Amino acid sequence: MKTLKIAVIPGDGIGPEVISEGMKILNRIAELDSGFQFEFNEFPWGCEYYSKHGVMMDENGMDKLKEFNAIYLGAVGYPGVPDHISLWDLLLKIRKDFDQYVNIRPIRLLEAAPCPLKDISREDVNMLFIRENSEGEYAGAGDWLFKGQENEVVLQNGVFSRKGTERIIRYAFETARKEGKTLTSISKGNALNYSMVFWDQVFEEVSREYQDVETASYLVDAAAMLMIKDPKRFEVVVTSNLFGDILTDLGAAIAGGIGLAAGANINPERKYPSMFEPIHGSAPDIAGQGIANPLAAIWSASQMMDFFGYENYGENILQAIEKVLLDGKVLTSDMGGTATTEQVGNHVVNYLEEILNAQKTKS
């Protein structure tokens, strides 16, 4: 039997509550499939760990994580620890040190998920954002000069290497070709006269190798407007670190809210483990109350199954989430219900079992 080793970092706030429900889903799939099993190892890293030890993770933490097939992250951030410390010393450190240069965020309107747009069908919202995840505006390059003086100057430099830009664009083209979809590049070449002009140039160069893929290019402000007015024009989307971060939160609002937003941080070469996470943050205001929405964490578990090559189970998990949304009886308060985090997770498990048993009966 194949053993899939998962490093679990529940993290801060509601992280432990939602991640436990995702683990429940994964374990149930493994119980119903004799071909593989999960081995979970939890690490207590995060802001609480920082408050006790002065660091967000063990000094040899990255060496420990290298031994795993994937990382399952709950949330990072809590009052009392500056955001730039919690982000840079854990989440971004893992992304960068493990060269997880592909960030994948699905913007898919599941059946019965709430959508604030009028006259929009479920089929109109089905985007796959491929975000550059290792450099760009989040490279951390810059300086702070004359701090505290009247001539204080702050420099925040975006870093766009040919290697980094070309590989993410090529990955997006390969994805669009495989799925038979259009590819849209989003930049801001009219104002960012170095980085985004370069991005557009590389996109054009790579596109010549993929004549079979229909392409489009938009400025980021126009893209934000069109995501609201005409979301169906976006299928596979490739963009920079900052623009991808912002636009996928907009996409989450369109596709049911942040409680349904999942993300994958992928090292395509599999030299290092990839990382899967809900993107809703730690929500400290509701932590410990048992009312956090676990569906984004469960969706990220679906992405993990896709990454391991079990796309059928990945889709089954999404089908189970849809059934939970459709019956509407067991939902957390952010989605208009009164259920607890655990109750929602159990409801997903019940529907997942129903789906898998129906498939076995057919076969």
Protein backbone atom coordinates (compact mmCIF):
# COMPACT_ATOMS: atom_id res chain seq x y z
CA MET A 1 0.00 0.00 0.00
CA LYS A 2 1.26 3.47 -0.91
CA THR A 3 1.80 5.85 2.01
CA LEU A 4 1.37 9.57 1.40
CA LYS A 5 3.22 11.55 4.07
CA ILE A 6 1.56 14.87 4.89
CA ALA A 7 3.08 17.58 7.09
CA VAL A 8 0.21 19.35 8.84
CA ILE A 9 0.71 22.92 10.07
CA PRO A 10 -2.67 23.83 11.61
CA GLY A 11 -1.33 27.32 12.38
CA ASP A 12 -3.30 30.11 13.98
CA GLY A 13 -6.87 31.10 14.77
CA ILE A 14 -9.41 28.87 13.05
CA GLY A 15 -6.66 26.96 11.24
CA PRO A 16 -6.68 23.89 13.53
CA GLU A 17 -10.49 23.72 13.42
CA VAL A 18 -10.83 23.67 9.64
CA ILE A 19 -7.76 21.57 8.90
CA SER A 20 -9.02 18.78 11.14
CA GLU A 21 -12.12 18.54 8.93
CA GLY A 22 -10.00 18.34 5.79
CA MET A 23 -7.95 15.56 7.36
CA LYS A 24 -11.20 13.76 8.19
CA ILE A 25 -12.15 13.81 4.49
CA LEU A 26 -8.76 12.55 3.36
CA ASN A 27 -8.73 9.77 5.93
CA ARG A 28 -12.19 8.61 4.88
CA ILE A 29 -11.13 8.41 1.24
CA ALA A 30 -8.09 6.37 2.22
CA GLU A 31 -10.29 4.02 4.27
CA LEU A 32 -12.48 3.40 1.23
CA ASP A 33 -9.52 2.90 -1.14
CA SER A 34 -7.12 0.07 -0.40
CA GLY A 35 -4.43 1.49 -2.66
CA PHE A 36 -3.06 4.23 -0.41
CA GLN A 37 -3.06 5.63 3.09
CA PHE A 38 -2.19 8.96 4.67
CA GLU A 39 0.42 9.52 7.36
CA PHE A 40 -0.14 12.88 9.04
CA ASN A 41 2.50 14.60 11.18
CA GLU A 42 1.51 17.84 12.90
CA PHE A 43 3.86 20.76 13.60
CA PRO A 44 2.84 23.43 16.15
CA TRP A 45 4.31 26.35 14.21
CA GLY A 46 2.69 29.74 13.90
CA CYS A 47 2.07 32.87 15.95
CA GLU A 48 1.48 31.09 19.25
CA TYR A 49 4.77 29.27 18.71
CA TYR A 50 6.39 32.65 17.95
CA SER A 51 5.10 34.15 21.19
CA LYS A 52 6.80 31.35 23.14
CA HIS A 53 10.00 30.84 21.14
CA GLY A 54 10.57 34.05 19.17
CA VAL A 55 10.44 32.22 15.83
CA MET A 56 7.56 31.10 13.61
CA MET A 57 9.01 27.63 13.07
CA ASP A 58 11.90 25.43 14.24
CA GLU A 59 15.35 26.42 13.04
CA ASN A 60 15.58 23.12 11.14
CA GLY A 61 11.93 23.25 10.16
CA MET A 62 12.55 23.28 6.41
CA ASP A 63 14.74 20.18 6.69
CA LYS A 64 11.90 18.43 8.52
CA LEU A 65 9.35 19.41 5.88
CA LYS A 66 11.51 18.12 3.02
CA GLU A 67 10.70 14.56 4.07
CA PHE A 68 7.00 14.88 3.22
CA ASN A 69 4.99 14.46 0.03
CA ALA A 70 2.86 17.53 0.76
CA ILE A 71 2.13 20.21 3.35
CA TYR A 72 -1.37 21.00 4.62
CA LEU A 73 -1.52 24.52 6.11
CA GLY A 74 -4.40 25.94 8.13
CA ALA A 75 -3.78 29.66 8.59
CA VAL A 76 -1.07 32.15 9.53
CA GLY A 77 -1.52 35.35 11.52
CA TYR A 78 -2.75 36.48 14.92
CA PRO A 79 -2.99 39.80 16.83
CA GLY A 80 0.25 40.65 18.60
CA VAL A 81 2.53 39.28 15.89
CA PRO A 82 3.22 41.73 13.03
CA ASP A 83 1.79 40.47 9.74
CA HIS A 84 5.09 40.79 7.91
CA ILE A 85 6.71 38.46 10.45
CA SER A 86 3.97 35.83 10.44
CA LEU A 87 3.83 35.85 6.65
CA TRP A 88 7.51 36.06 5.75
CA ASP A 89 8.82 33.70 8.42
CA LEU A 90 6.46 30.83 7.68
CA LEU A 91 4.17 30.90 4.64
CA LEU A 92 6.43 32.82 2.25
CA LYS A 93 9.52 31.05 3.56
CA ILE A 94 8.02 27.70 2.62
CA ARG A 95 6.84 28.95 -0.77
CA LYS A 96 10.22 30.40 -1.65
CA ASP A 97 12.59 27.82 -0.16
CA PHE A 98 10.63 24.96 -1.73
CA ASP A 99 10.35 26.78 -5.07
CA GLN A 100 6.57 26.54 -5.07
CA TYR A 101 6.43 28.93 -7.97
CA VAL A 102 2.95 27.97 -9.18
CA ASN A 103 -0.03 29.16 -7.16
CA ILE A 104 -3.31 27.63 -8.32
CA ARG A 105 -6.60 29.15 -7.23
CA PRO A 106 -9.86 27.87 -8.73
CA ILE A 107 -12.68 30.40 -9.08
CA ARG A 108 -15.56 28.03 -9.71
CA LEU A 109 -19.18 28.72 -8.85
CA LEU A 110 -20.43 25.49 -7.31
CA GLU A 111 -24.09 24.66 -7.55
CA ALA A 112 -26.11 26.52 -4.88
CA ALA A 113 -23.11 28.64 -3.82
CA PRO A 114 -24.14 32.28 -3.30
CA CYS A 115 -23.10 34.71 -6.02
CA PRO A 116 -23.54 38.50 -5.69
CA LEU A 117 -23.77 39.00 -9.46
CA LYS A 118 -27.19 39.08 -11.08
CA ASP A 119 -28.10 37.20 -14.24
CA ILE A 120 -25.06 34.94 -13.92
CA SER A 121 -25.29 31.19 -14.41
CA ARG A 122 -23.09 28.65 -12.65
CA GLU A 123 -21.32 27.89 -15.93
CA ASP A 124 -20.31 31.54 -16.35
CA VAL A 125 -17.90 31.44 -13.39
CA ASN A 126 -15.25 28.79 -13.93
CA MET A 127 -11.78 30.36 -13.88
CA LEU A 128 -8.44 28.83 -13.00
CA PHE A 129 -5.94 31.45 -11.82
CA ILE A 130 -2.28 30.53 -12.20
CA ARG A 131 -0.32 33.05 -10.17
CA GLU A 132 3.45 33.48 -10.14
CA ASN A 133 4.32 32.58 -6.57
CA SER A 134 8.03 33.08 -5.97
CA GLU A 135 9.13 36.55 -7.06
CA GLY A 136 7.45 39.58 -8.64
CA GLU A 137 6.11 42.13 -6.21
CA TYR A 138 6.57 39.74 -3.27
CA ALA A 139 10.28 39.19 -3.83
CA GLY A 140 11.09 41.13 -0.67
CA ALA A 141 13.68 43.28 -2.42
CA GLY A 142 14.10 46.92 -1.43
CA ASP A 143 15.41 49.24 1.23
CA TRP A 144 14.35 51.65 3.96
CA LEU A 145 16.54 54.73 3.92
CA PHE A 146 16.82 57.52 6.49
CA LYS A 147 14.26 55.83 8.73
CA GLY A 148 12.48 58.28 11.03
CA GLN A 149 13.94 61.34 9.31
CA GLU A 150 12.09 63.88 7.24
CA ASN A 151 13.80 62.64 4.07
CA GLU A 152 12.73 59.03 4.77
CA VAL A 153 12.52 56.90 1.60
CA VAL A 154 11.15 53.39 1.16
CA LEU A 155 11.98 51.29 -1.91
CA GLN A 156 9.92 48.17 -2.71
CA ASN A 157 11.28 46.47 -5.80
CA GLY A 158 9.45 43.96 -7.95
CA VAL A 159 11.71 41.22 -9.32
CA PHE A 160 10.79 39.64 -12.66
CA SER A 161 13.43 37.24 -13.92
CA ARG A 162 13.24 35.67 -17.35
CA LYS A 163 13.34 32.23 -15.76
CA GLY A 164 10.58 33.00 -13.29
CA THR A 165 8.33 34.80 -15.76
CA GLU A 166 8.75 32.32 -18.59
CA ARG A 167 8.20 29.21 -16.51
CA ILE A 168 4.91 30.40 -15.01
CA ILE A 169 3.61 31.53 -18.38
CA ARG A 170 4.65 28.24 -19.98
CA TYR A 171 2.96 26.31 -17.16
CA ALA A 172 -0.24 28.26 -17.85
CA PHE A 173 -0.05 27.54 -21.58
CA GLU A 174 0.43 23.84 -20.90
CA THR A 175 -2.59 23.86 -18.58
CA ALA A 176 -4.76 25.70 -21.09
CA ARG A 177 -3.71 23.31 -23.86
CA LYS A 178 -4.39 20.25 -21.71
CA GLU A 179 -7.84 21.49 -20.71
CA GLY A 180 -8.74 22.90 -24.13
CA LYS A 181 -9.38 26.36 -22.72
CA THR A 182 -8.42 29.95 -23.48
CA LEU A 183 -5.53 31.65 -21.68
CA THR A 184 -5.67 35.25 -20.48
CA SER A 185 -2.63 37.21 -19.32
CA ILE A 186 -3.19 40.07 -16.87
CA SER A 187 -0.57 42.79 -16.42
CA LYS A 188 -0.21 46.59 -16.22
CA GLY A 189 2.21 47.37 -19.02
CA ASN A 190 0.95 50.90 -19.59
CA ALA A 191 2.12 52.09 -16.16
CA LEU A 192 4.77 49.61 -14.98
CA ASN A 193 7.11 50.34 -17.82
CA TYR A 194 9.76 47.75 -16.96
CA SER A 195 8.27 44.75 -15.15
CA MET A 196 4.95 44.52 -16.94
CA VAL A 197 6.28 45.44 -20.38
CA PHE A 198 8.72 42.56 -19.87
CA TRP A 199 5.86 40.28 -18.74
CA ASP A 200 3.84 41.11 -21.88
CA GLN A 201 6.88 40.51 -24.06
CA VAL A 202 7.55 37.07 -22.57
CA PHE A 203 3.87 36.14 -22.89
CA GLU A 204 3.98 37.04 -26.57
CA GLU A 205 7.18 35.07 -27.11
CA VAL A 206 5.88 31.92 -25.43
CA SER A 207 2.51 32.17 -27.17
CA ARG A 208 4.21 31.53 -30.53
CA GLU A 209 4.90 27.98 -29.36
CA TYR A 210 1.22 27.42 -28.56
CA GLN A 211 -0.63 28.49 -31.68
CA ASP A 212 -3.48 26.13 -30.75
CA VAL A 213 -4.25 28.06 -27.55
CA GLU A 214 -6.50 31.10 -27.91
CA THR A 215 -5.13 34.02 -25.88
CA ALA A 216 -6.15 37.40 -24.54
CA SER A 217 -4.33 40.11 -22.56
CA TYR A 218 -5.86 42.69 -20.22
CA LEU A 219 -4.65 45.44 -17.96
CA VAL A 220 -5.37 44.52 -14.36
CA ASP A 221 -7.90 47.31 -13.78
CA ALA A 222 -9.85 46.33 -16.87
CA ALA A 223 -9.66 42.68 -15.84
CA ALA A 224 -11.14 43.47 -12.43
CA MET A 225 -14.08 45.21 -14.10
CA LEU A 226 -14.61 42.40 -16.61
CA MET A 227 -14.51 39.72 -13.90
CA ILE A 228 -17.66 41.39 -12.56
CA LYS A 229 -19.37 42.28 -15.83
CA ASP A 230 -18.45 39.27 -17.96
CA PRO A 231 -16.76 36.52 -15.91
CA LYS A 232 -17.27 33.81 -18.53
CA ARG A 233 -14.56 35.30 -20.74
CA PHE A 234 -11.93 34.14 -18.21
CA GLU A 235 -10.96 30.46 -18.29
CA VAL A 236 -7.27 29.91 -17.51
CA VAL A 237 -5.62 33.11 -16.26
CA VAL A 238 -1.93 33.80 -15.67
CA THR A 239 -0.67 36.82 -13.76
CA SER A 240 1.93 38.14 -11.35
CA ASN A 241 2.18 37.55 -7.62
CA LEU A 242 0.44 40.75 -6.48
CA PHE A 243 -2.26 40.91 -9.15
CA GLY A 244 -3.04 37.23 -8.64
CA ASP A 245 -3.39 37.73 -4.90
CA ILE A 246 -5.84 40.59 -5.31
CA LEU A 247 -7.90 39.25 -8.20
CA THR A 248 -8.42 35.82 -6.65
CA ASP A 249 -9.94 37.44 -3.56
CA LEU A 250 -12.28 39.27 -5.92
CA GLY A 251 -12.97 35.92 -7.56
CA ALA A 252 -13.70 34.36 -4.18
CA ALA A 253 -16.35 37.00 -3.56
CA ILE A 254 -17.94 36.15 -6.91
CA ALA A 255 -17.86 32.40 -6.33
CA GLY A 256 -19.50 32.09 -2.94
CA GLY A 257 -17.24 33.96 -0.53
CA ILE A 258 -13.89 33.54 1.15
CA GLY A 259 -15.20 30.49 3.01
CA LEU A 260 -15.05 28.57 -0.27
CA ALA A 261 -11.63 29.79 -1.41
CA ALA A 262 -8.78 27.28 -1.67
CA GLY A 263 -5.22 27.51 -2.94
CA ALA A 264 -2.36 25.23 -3.94
CA ASN A 265 1.34 26.15 -3.93
CA ILE A 266 3.00 23.80 -6.38
CA ASN A 267 6.56 22.77 -7.10
CA PRO A 268 5.86 21.13 -10.48
CA GLU A 269 9.19 19.29 -10.59
CA ARG A 270 8.32 17.64 -7.24
CA LYS A 271 11.81 18.21 -5.96
CA TYR A 272 10.18 19.69 -2.87
CA PRO A 273 6.76 19.14 -1.28
CA SER A 274 3.86 21.28 -2.47
CA MET A 275 1.54 23.04 -0.03
CA PHE A 276 -2.27 23.25 0.13
CA GLU A 277 -4.28 25.77 2.13
CA PRO A 278 -7.57 27.59 2.51
CA ILE A 279 -6.94 31.25 1.80
CA HIS A 280 -9.42 32.81 4.25
CA GLY A 281 -6.83 33.60 6.92
CA SER A 282 -6.90 32.92 10.64
CA ALA A 283 -10.12 34.82 11.54
CA PRO A 284 -9.10 35.35 15.19
CA ASP A 285 -12.46 36.93 16.03
CA ILE A 286 -14.22 33.55 15.74
CA ALA A 287 -11.35 31.23 16.69
CA GLY A 288 -12.24 28.54 19.21
CA GLN A 289 -16.00 28.95 18.78
CA GLY A 290 -16.42 25.97 16.47
CA ILE A 291 -18.29 28.00 13.85
CA ALA A 292 -15.59 28.43 11.17
CA ASN A 293 -16.47 27.33 7.65
CA PRO A 294 -14.34 24.27 6.77
CA LEU A 295 -15.32 24.07 3.10
CA ALA A 296 -12.27 25.99 1.80
CA ALA A 297 -9.95 23.68 3.75
CA ILE A 298 -11.83 20.70 2.35
CA TRP A 299 -11.56 22.14 -1.17
CA SER A 300 -7.80 22.47 -0.71
CA ALA A 301 -7.80 18.77 0.26
CA SER A 302 -9.45 18.18 -3.12
CA GLN A 303 -6.57 20.02 -4.77
CA MET A 304 -4.14 17.76 -2.90
CA MET A 305 -5.86 14.70 -4.33
CA ASP A 306 -5.54 16.19 -7.82
CA PHE A 307 -1.83 16.77 -7.22
CA PHE A 308 -1.31 13.15 -6.17
CA GLY A 309 -2.97 11.97 -9.38
CA TYR A 310 -6.33 11.02 -7.86
CA GLU A 311 -8.37 13.55 -9.82
CA ASN A 312 -11.47 11.40 -9.49
CA TYR A 313 -11.38 11.80 -5.71
CA GLY A 314 -10.64 15.49 -6.08
CA GLU A 315 -13.82 15.90 -8.14
CA ASN A 316 -15.79 13.66 -5.75
CA ILE A 317 -14.91 15.99 -2.86
CA LEU A 318 -16.21 18.98 -4.83
CA GLN A 319 -19.39 17.07 -5.65
CA ALA A 320 -19.89 16.38 -1.94
CA ILE A 321 -19.40 20.09 -1.14
CA GLU A 322 -22.00 20.94 -3.80
CA LYS A 323 -24.50 18.53 -2.23
CA VAL A 324 -23.97 20.18 1.15
CA LEU A 325 -24.65 23.57 -0.43
CA LEU A 326 -27.67 22.25 -2.33
CA ASP A 327 -29.50 20.81 0.66
CA GLY A 328 -28.62 23.92 2.70
CA LYS A 329 -29.43 22.24 6.00
CA VAL A 330 -25.94 22.05 7.47
CA LEU A 331 -24.01 25.28 6.85
CA THR A 332 -22.00 27.63 9.05
CA SER A 333 -23.23 31.13 9.90
CA ASP A 334 -21.22 32.86 7.15
CA MET A 335 -23.38 30.96 4.66
CA GLY A 336 -26.65 31.59 6.45
CA GLY A 337 -26.71 28.46 8.62
CA THR A 338 -26.30 27.55 12.27
CA ALA A 339 -24.10 24.43 12.02
CA THR A 340 -20.74 23.93 13.67
CA THR A 341 -17.46 23.37 11.84
CA GLU A 342 -17.53 19.68 12.77
CA GLN A 343 -21.12 19.21 11.67
CA VAL A 344 -20.35 20.60 8.23
CA GLY A 345 -17.30 18.35 7.93
CA ASN A 346 -19.37 15.31 8.90
CA HIS A 347 -22.03 16.27 6.36
CA VAL A 348 -19.42 16.41 3.60
CA VAL A 349 -18.15 12.98 4.67
CA ASN A 350 -21.68 11.55 4.49
CA TYR A 351 -22.23 12.83 0.97
CA LEU A 352 -18.75 11.72 -0.10
CA GLU A 353 -19.49 8.19 1.08
CA GLU A 354 -22.79 8.29 -0.79
CA ILE A 355 -21.03 9.35 -4.01
CA LEU A 356 -18.26 6.77 -3.72
CA ASN A 357 -20.68 3.94 -2.87
CA ALA A 358 -22.86 4.85 -5.87
CA GLN A 359 -19.79 4.67 -8.11
CA LYS A 360 -18.88 1.24 -6.73
CA THR A 361 -22.40 0.00 -7.37
CA LYS A 362 -22.24 1.15 -10.98
CA SER A 363 -18.87 -0.49 -11.58
